[in-house]
Amino acid sequence: MNAHVRTRVSAYAIAVEDERLLLTRLSDASPVFTPGLWHMPGGGIDPGEQPVEALSRELRSPARRGRPPPRPMPPPPAARL
């Protein structure tokens, strides 16, 4: 079997507003994940794009109209072992 695996770096958001978690539902045309599953908002990072730019693009949708733009949070400090 000669299956070619393609890798694409992606960025996903944990979006919380008023103690509600934003999830998206995958379309029936999803080529990667099982269609219809609930998923974190996000997607593939385009060549030359930064992760925060990809998330901003993915989060601009009719569902967010009238809301302030998302703002990135700094990553948590690395755990010390």
C-alpha atoms as a PDB file:
ATOM      1  CA  MET A   1       0.000   0.000   0.000  1.00  0.00           C
ATOM      2  CA  ASN A   2       1.483   3.333  -1.065  1.00  0.00           C
ATOM      3  CA  ALA A   3      -0.424   5.882   1.030  1.00  0.00           C
ATOM      4  CA  HIS A   4       0.942   9.412   1.001  1.00  0.00           C
ATOM      5  CA  VAL A   5       0.444  11.209   4.309  1.00  0.00           C
ATOM      6  CA  ARG A   6       0.255  14.983   4.051  1.00  0.00           C
ATOM      7  CA  THR A   7       1.072  17.092   7.084  1.00  0.00           C
ATOM      8  CA  ARG A   8      -0.346  20.570   7.690  1.00  0.00           C
ATOM      9  CA  VAL A   9       0.308  22.678  10.752  1.00  0.00           C
ATOM     10  CA  SER A  10      -2.908  23.972  12.295  1.00  0.00           C
ATOM     11  CA  ALA A  11      -3.953  26.387  15.030  1.00  0.00           C
ATOM     12  CA  TYR A  12      -7.010  25.966  17.227  1.00  0.00           C
ATOM     13  CA  ALA A  13      -8.563  28.226  19.847  1.00  0.00           C
ATOM     14  CA  ILE A  14     -10.110  27.656  23.210  1.00  0.00           C
ATOM     15  CA  ALA A  15     -12.650  30.459  23.026  1.00  0.00           C
ATOM     16  CA  VAL A  16     -14.600  31.232  26.201  1.00  0.00           C
ATOM     17  CA  GLU A  17     -17.109  34.043  26.644  1.00  0.00           C
ATOM     18  CA  ASP A  18     -19.379  34.461  29.662  1.00  0.00           C
ATOM     19  CA  GLU A  19     -18.406  30.965  30.825  1.00  0.00           C
ATOM     20  CA  ARG A  20     -19.532  29.494  27.474  1.00  0.00           C
ATOM     21  CA  LEU A  21     -17.187  27.507  25.237  1.00  0.00           C
ATOM     22  CA  LEU A  22     -17.283  28.172  21.503  1.00  0.00           C
ATOM     23  CA  LEU A  23     -17.311  25.002  19.398  1.00  0.00           C
ATOM     24  CA  THR A  24     -17.775  24.532  15.686  1.00  0.00           C
ATOM     25  CA  ARG A  25     -19.395  21.637  13.889  1.00  0.00           C
ATOM     26  CA  LEU A  26     -17.461  20.019  11.081  1.00  0.00           C
ATOM     27  CA  SER A  27     -19.179  20.048   7.713  1.00  0.00           C
ATOM     28  CA  ASP A  28     -20.186  16.940   5.817  1.00  0.00           C
ATOM     29  CA  ALA A  29     -17.354  17.759   3.393  1.00  0.00           C
ATOM     30  CA  SER A  30     -14.587  17.570   6.039  1.00  0.00           C
ATOM     31  CA  PRO A  31     -11.676  15.777   4.343  1.00  0.00           C
ATOM     32  CA  VAL A  32      -9.688  15.136   7.526  1.00  0.00           C
ATOM     33  CA  PHE A  33     -11.971  14.657  10.522  1.00  0.00           C
ATOM     34  CA  THR A  34     -15.239  12.796  10.921  1.00  0.00           C
ATOM     35  CA  PRO A  35     -18.012  15.018   9.517  1.00  0.00           C
ATOM     36  CA  GLY A  36     -20.502  16.334  12.054  1.00  0.00           C
ATOM     37  CA  LEU A  37     -18.155  16.235  15.044  1.00  0.00           C
ATOM     38  CA  TRP A  38     -17.973  19.237  17.371  1.00  0.00           C
ATOM     39  CA  HIS A  39     -14.523  20.757  17.300  1.00  0.00           C
ATOM     40  CA  MET A  40     -12.509  23.728  18.568  1.00  0.00           C
ATOM     41  CA  PRO A  41     -12.536  26.655  16.122  1.00  0.00           C
ATOM     42  CA  GLY A  42      -9.451  26.897  13.987  1.00  0.00           C
ATOM     43  CA  GLY A  43      -7.807  25.322  11.016  1.00  0.00           C
ATOM     44  CA  GLY A  44      -4.739  25.112   8.850  1.00  0.00           C
ATOM     45  CA  ILE A  45      -2.052  27.769   8.864  1.00  0.00           C
ATOM     46  CA  ASP A  46      -1.401  29.119   5.361  1.00  0.00           C
ATOM     47  CA  PRO A  47       2.204  29.413   4.110  1.00  0.00           C
ATOM     48  CA  GLY A  48       3.804  32.557   5.542  1.00  0.00           C
ATOM     49  CA  GLU A  49       0.987  33.034   8.069  1.00  0.00           C
ATOM     50  CA  GLN A  50       1.540  33.236  11.814  1.00  0.00           C
ATOM     51  CA  PRO A  51      -0.647  31.089  14.132  1.00  0.00           C
ATOM     52  CA  VAL A  52      -2.388  34.159  15.604  1.00  0.00           C
ATOM     53  CA  GLU A  53      -3.200  35.360  12.064  1.00  0.00           C
ATOM     54  CA  ALA A  54      -4.692  31.974  11.184  1.00  0.00           C
ATOM     55  CA  LEU A  55      -6.855  31.979  14.310  1.00  0.00           C
ATOM     56  CA  SER A  56      -8.000  35.527  13.651  1.00  0.00           C
ATOM     57  CA  ARG A  57      -8.993  34.512  10.110  1.00  0.00           C
ATOM     58  CA  GLU A  58     -10.781  31.381  11.311  1.00  0.00           C
ATOM     59  CA  LEU A  59     -12.639  33.237  14.071  1.00  0.00           C
ATOM     60  CA  ARG A  60     -13.980  35.934  11.747  1.00  0.00           C
ATOM     61  CA  SER A  61     -17.401  34.535  11.043  1.00  0.00           C
ATOM     62  CA  PRO A  62     -21.061  35.568  11.103  1.00  0.00           C
ATOM     63  CA  ALA A  63     -21.341  34.033  14.584  1.00  0.00           C
ATOM     64  CA  ARG A  64     -18.887  36.622  15.942  1.00  0.00           C
ATOM     65  CA  ARG A  65     -20.425  39.757  14.381  1.00  0.00           C
ATOM     66  CA  GLY A  66     -20.762  42.543  16.913  1.00  0.00           C
ATOM     67  CA  ARG A  67     -18.232  40.997  19.271  1.00  0.00           C
ATOM     68  CA  PRO A  68     -14.719  42.325  19.867  1.00  0.00           C
ATOM     69  CA  PRO A  69     -11.945  40.587  17.955  1.00  0.00           C
ATOM     70  CA  PRO A  70     -10.332  37.648  19.736  1.00  0.00           C
ATOM     71  CA  ARG A  71      -7.126  38.389  21.581  1.00  0.00           C
ATOM     72  CA  PRO A  72      -4.377  35.860  22.113  1.00  0.00           C
ATOM     73  CA  MET A  73      -3.354  34.946  25.614  1.00  0.00           C
ATOM     74  CA  PRO A  74       0.263  34.284  26.477  1.00  0.00           C
ATOM     75  CA  PRO A  75       1.133  30.613  26.803  1.00  0.00           C
ATOM     76  CA  PRO A  76       1.258  29.285  30.357  1.00  0.00           C
ATOM     77  CA  PRO A  77       4.686  29.019  31.930  1.00  0.00           C
ATOM     78  CA  ALA A  78       6.466  25.778  31.183  1.00  0.00           C
ATOM     79  CA  ALA A  79       6.003  23.134  33.830  1.00  0.00           C
ATOM     80  CA  ARG A  80       9.115  22.347  35.792  1.00  0.00           C
ATOM     81  CA  LEU A  81       9.858  18.702  36.378  1.00  0.00           C
END
